[in-house]
Every structure is written in structure tokens, then in C-alpha cells.
Amino acid sequence: MDERRSAPRVEHQIPVVVKERQRSFIVHTKNLSASGAYCTFANFVAPMTKLQVNLQLDQLGRPQTIACQGIVVRVNPPSFRRRCSAYDVAIFFNDLSDQDRTAIARYVLRHLRASTSG
């Protein structure tokens, strides 16, 4: 299968505060890149839903908060199921400053290097 992603991603769990309309909740990333995150949600969120996303990166001992808007681009399973307790959600960061995108890219590369050198 060809890799379609344009940005490297790292398998890493980072807490993320997500706000959808008036509802806020905390999820954890399964993986992260400078273009988006793949997370597990307890509730179904429909594709194309706009989210406010806040994640906190550990930048060499200094916390850095990244705040941006994201759009749900994929959900698995793809529809609401009563017996489903978790949904894997792909979020595309559609409103991210160049500075924040660079910070995430550096974080990802640092953790990719650490995982391959150890």
C-alpha cells in the first residue's frame, strides 16, 4: 500500500483537549503529525465536524501548548453504533500557524529519532 501522508507521524500518546460546540473532552492521540492526529474518542463524532483542538507538547522539558482548529476526516467505525465504546478519529489540522506546525514537526522528528536509536 502506498503511503499517502505528506508528513511523518509518530506513534505517541499525548492528551488533547477537544471542544465540539459547547462540549469539551479529553482524548489521547494514537499518533501525531504536523498535519493532524489520530485519536480514540468515547463518543461518535461525524466526519467533517469542526473541532477546537489543544494539545500540550513537551519540548525538551518545556511545555508548549498548541491550539488550532481541526476537521474530522475519518471515523472508524464509520457510523454511530450503540455497543461501540470507542471510535478511532482522524483529525486534520486545518487552521495551524506555521510556527505551531514547525513545533509539532520538530516534536515528531525528535521522537522518531529516539525510537529508532534506542
C-alpha atoms as a PDB file:
ATOM      1  CA  MET A   1       0.000   0.000   0.000  1.00  0.00           C
ATOM      2  CA  ASP A   2       1.378   3.422  -0.955  1.00  0.00           C
ATOM      3  CA  GLU A   3       1.892   5.924   1.844  1.00  0.00           C
ATOM      4  CA  ARG A   4      -0.388   8.914   1.169  1.00  0.00           C
ATOM      5  CA  ARG A   5       0.691  11.029   4.109  1.00  0.00           C
ATOM      6  CA  SER A   6       2.834  14.039   3.392  1.00  0.00           C
ATOM      7  CA  ALA A   7       4.136  14.498   6.945  1.00  0.00           C
ATOM      8  CA  PRO A   8       5.963  11.953   9.118  1.00  0.00           C
ATOM      9  CA  ARG A   9       3.973  10.712  12.087  1.00  0.00           C
ATOM     10  CA  VAL A  10       4.947   9.217  15.396  1.00  0.00           C
ATOM     11  CA  GLU A  11       3.047   6.670  17.468  1.00  0.00           C
ATOM     12  CA  HIS A  12       2.707   8.667  20.650  1.00  0.00           C
ATOM     13  CA  GLN A  13       0.053   9.283  23.280  1.00  0.00           C
ATOM     14  CA  ILE A  14      -0.495  12.942  24.046  1.00  0.00           C
ATOM     15  CA  PRO A  15      -3.539  14.262  25.901  1.00  0.00           C
ATOM     16  CA  VAL A  16      -5.661  16.534  23.744  1.00  0.00           C
ATOM     17  CA  VAL A  17      -8.485  18.791  24.870  1.00  0.00           C
ATOM     18  CA  VAL A  18     -11.139  18.773  22.165  1.00  0.00           C
ATOM     19  CA  LYS A  19     -14.069  21.158  22.021  1.00  0.00           C
ATOM     20  CA  GLU A  20     -17.059  20.493  19.795  1.00  0.00           C
ATOM     21  CA  ARG A  21     -19.649  23.250  20.049  1.00  0.00           C
ATOM     22  CA  GLN A  22     -20.288  23.574  23.810  1.00  0.00           C
ATOM     23  CA  ARG A  23     -18.880  20.159  24.756  1.00  0.00           C
ATOM     24  CA  SER A  24     -15.239  19.704  25.811  1.00  0.00           C
ATOM     25  CA  PHE A  25     -13.497  16.422  26.498  1.00  0.00           C
ATOM     26  CA  ILE A  26     -10.024  14.926  26.722  1.00  0.00           C
ATOM     27  CA  VAL A  27      -8.775  12.280  24.310  1.00  0.00           C
ATOM     28  CA  HIS A  28      -5.322  10.809  23.661  1.00  0.00           C
ATOM     29  CA  THR A  29      -3.508  10.632  20.370  1.00  0.00           C
ATOM     30  CA  LYS A  30      -2.574   7.270  18.893  1.00  0.00           C
ATOM     31  CA  ASN A  31      -0.270   9.073  16.512  1.00  0.00           C
ATOM     32  CA  LEU A  32       0.603  12.630  15.622  1.00  0.00           C
ATOM     33  CA  SER A  33       1.993  14.542  12.654  1.00  0.00           C
ATOM     34  CA  ALA A  34       2.323  18.188  11.688  1.00  0.00           C
ATOM     35  CA  SER A  35      -0.836  17.799   9.605  1.00  0.00           C
ATOM     36  CA  GLY A  36      -3.085  16.030  12.108  1.00  0.00           C
ATOM     37  CA  ALA A  37      -3.718  13.486  14.822  1.00  0.00           C
ATOM     38  CA  TYR A  38      -5.320  10.069  15.120  1.00  0.00           C
ATOM     39  CA  CYS A  39      -7.199   9.727  18.411  1.00  0.00           C
ATOM     40  CA  THR A  40      -9.640   7.495  20.239  1.00  0.00           C
ATOM     41  CA  PHE A  41     -12.966   9.067  21.185  1.00  0.00           C
ATOM     42  CA  ALA A  42     -15.559   7.595  23.554  1.00  0.00           C
ATOM     43  CA  ASN A  43     -18.387   9.146  21.519  1.00  0.00           C
ATOM     44  CA  PHE A  44     -19.138   9.255  17.819  1.00  0.00           C
ATOM     45  CA  VAL A  45     -18.183  12.465  16.015  1.00  0.00           C
ATOM     46  CA  ALA A  46     -19.304  12.750  12.406  1.00  0.00           C
ATOM     47  CA  PRO A  47     -16.843  13.307   9.564  1.00  0.00           C
ATOM     48  CA  MET A  48     -16.431  16.977   8.592  1.00  0.00           C
ATOM     49  CA  THR A  49     -17.151  18.106  12.169  1.00  0.00           C
ATOM     50  CA  LYS A  50     -15.084  21.158  13.117  1.00  0.00           C
ATOM     51  CA  LEU A  51     -13.239  20.859  16.425  1.00  0.00           C
ATOM     52  CA  GLN A  52     -11.179  23.191  18.574  1.00  0.00           C
ATOM     53  CA  VAL A  53      -8.008  21.264  19.456  1.00  0.00           C
ATOM     54  CA  ASN A  54      -5.497  21.992  22.241  1.00  0.00           C
ATOM     55  CA  LEU A  55      -2.506  19.756  22.758  1.00  0.00           C
ATOM     56  CA  GLN A  56       0.481  20.161  25.009  1.00  0.00           C
ATOM     57  CA  LEU A  57       3.882  19.069  23.785  1.00  0.00           C
ATOM     58  CA  ASP A  58       6.944  18.523  25.930  1.00  0.00           C
ATOM     59  CA  GLN A  59       9.566  20.498  24.034  1.00  0.00           C
ATOM     60  CA  LEU A  60      12.767  19.362  25.769  1.00  0.00           C
ATOM     61  CA  GLY A  61      11.402  19.929  29.258  1.00  0.00           C
ATOM     62  CA  ARG A  62       9.342  22.992  28.378  1.00  0.00           C
ATOM     63  CA  PRO A  63       5.603  22.577  27.843  1.00  0.00           C
ATOM     64  CA  GLN A  64       4.245  24.150  24.680  1.00  0.00           C
ATOM     65  CA  THR A  65       0.515  24.459  24.080  1.00  0.00           C
ATOM     66  CA  ILE A  66      -0.711  24.177  20.515  1.00  0.00           C
ATOM     67  CA  ALA A  67      -4.221  25.498  19.850  1.00  0.00           C
ATOM     68  CA  CYS A  68      -5.841  25.115  16.457  1.00  0.00           C
ATOM     69  CA  GLN A  69      -8.945  24.141  14.593  1.00  0.00           C
ATOM     70  CA  GLY A  70      -9.280  20.636  13.227  1.00  0.00           C
ATOM     71  CA  ILE A  71     -11.709  18.812  10.986  1.00  0.00           C
ATOM     72  CA  VAL A  72     -12.715  15.178  11.442  1.00  0.00           C
ATOM     73  CA  VAL A  73     -11.728  13.475   8.190  1.00  0.00           C
ATOM     74  CA  ARG A  74     -12.260   9.815   9.112  1.00  0.00           C
ATOM     75  CA  VAL A  75     -14.064   7.815  11.805  1.00  0.00           C
ATOM     76  CA  ASN A  76     -13.872   4.080  12.452  1.00  0.00           C
ATOM     77  CA  PRO A  77     -16.382   2.547  12.803  1.00  0.00           C
ATOM     78  CA  PRO A  78     -17.893   4.965  10.294  1.00  0.00           C
ATOM     79  CA  SER A  79     -21.279   5.366  11.960  1.00  0.00           C
ATOM     80  CA  PHE A  80     -22.851   5.513  15.399  1.00  0.00           C
ATOM     81  CA  ARG A  81     -23.204   2.082  16.994  1.00  0.00           C
ATOM     82  CA  ARG A  82     -24.844   1.630  20.363  1.00  0.00           C
ATOM     83  CA  ARG A  83     -22.473  -1.094  21.525  1.00  0.00           C
ATOM     84  CA  CYS A  84     -19.313   0.616  20.341  1.00  0.00           C
ATOM     85  CA  SER A  85     -17.270   2.016  23.231  1.00  0.00           C
ATOM     86  CA  ALA A  86     -14.526   3.669  21.186  1.00  0.00           C
ATOM     87  CA  TYR A  87     -14.145   5.415  17.846  1.00  0.00           C
ATOM     88  CA  ASP A  88     -10.838   5.989  16.068  1.00  0.00           C
ATOM     89  CA  VAL A  89     -10.922   9.543  14.720  1.00  0.00           C
ATOM     90  CA  ALA A  90      -8.546  11.177  12.242  1.00  0.00           C
ATOM     91  CA  ILE A  91      -8.308  14.950  12.688  1.00  0.00           C
ATOM     92  CA  PHE A  92      -6.774  17.212  10.055  1.00  0.00           C
ATOM     93  CA  PHE A  93      -5.311  20.444  11.461  1.00  0.00           C
ATOM     94  CA  ASN A  94      -6.817  22.980   9.052  1.00  0.00           C
ATOM     95  CA  ASP A  95      -6.020  26.168  10.965  1.00  0.00           C
ATOM     96  CA  LEU A  96      -2.494  25.867  12.351  1.00  0.00           C
ATOM     97  CA  SER A  97       0.119  28.613  12.382  1.00  0.00           C
ATOM     98  CA  ASP A  98       3.421  27.955  10.635  1.00  0.00           C
ATOM     99  CA  GLN A  99       5.159  28.305  13.997  1.00  0.00           C
ATOM    100  CA  ASP A 100       2.928  25.651  15.622  1.00  0.00           C
ATOM    101  CA  ARG A 101       3.211  23.326  12.600  1.00  0.00           C
ATOM    102  CA  THR A 102       7.011  23.590  12.842  1.00  0.00           C
ATOM    103  CA  ALA A 103       6.877  22.878  16.597  1.00  0.00           C
ATOM    104  CA  ILE A 104       4.826  19.717  16.016  1.00  0.00           C
ATOM    105  CA  ALA A 105       7.129  18.614  13.177  1.00  0.00           C
ATOM    106  CA  ARG A 106      10.185  19.012  15.443  1.00  0.00           C
ATOM    107  CA  TYR A 107       8.447  17.079  18.223  1.00  0.00           C
ATOM    108  CA  VAL A 108       7.565  14.249  15.824  1.00  0.00           C
ATOM    109  CA  LEU A 109      11.075  14.045  14.349  1.00  0.00           C
ATOM    110  CA  ARG A 110      12.702  14.075  17.785  1.00  0.00           C
ATOM    111  CA  HIS A 111      10.535  11.157  18.927  1.00  0.00           C
ATOM    112  CA  LEU A 112      11.022   9.247  15.667  1.00  0.00           C
ATOM    113  CA  ARG A 113      14.798   9.543  16.060  1.00  0.00           C
ATOM    114  CA  ALA A 114      14.595   8.451  19.698  1.00  0.00           C
ATOM    115  CA  SER A 115      12.549   5.379  18.786  1.00  0.00           C
ATOM    116  CA  THR A 116      14.976   4.296  16.043  1.00  0.00           C
ATOM    117  CA  SER A 117      18.173   4.950  18.019  1.00  0.00           C
ATOM    118  CA  GLY A 118      17.170   3.012  21.128  1.00  0.00           C
END
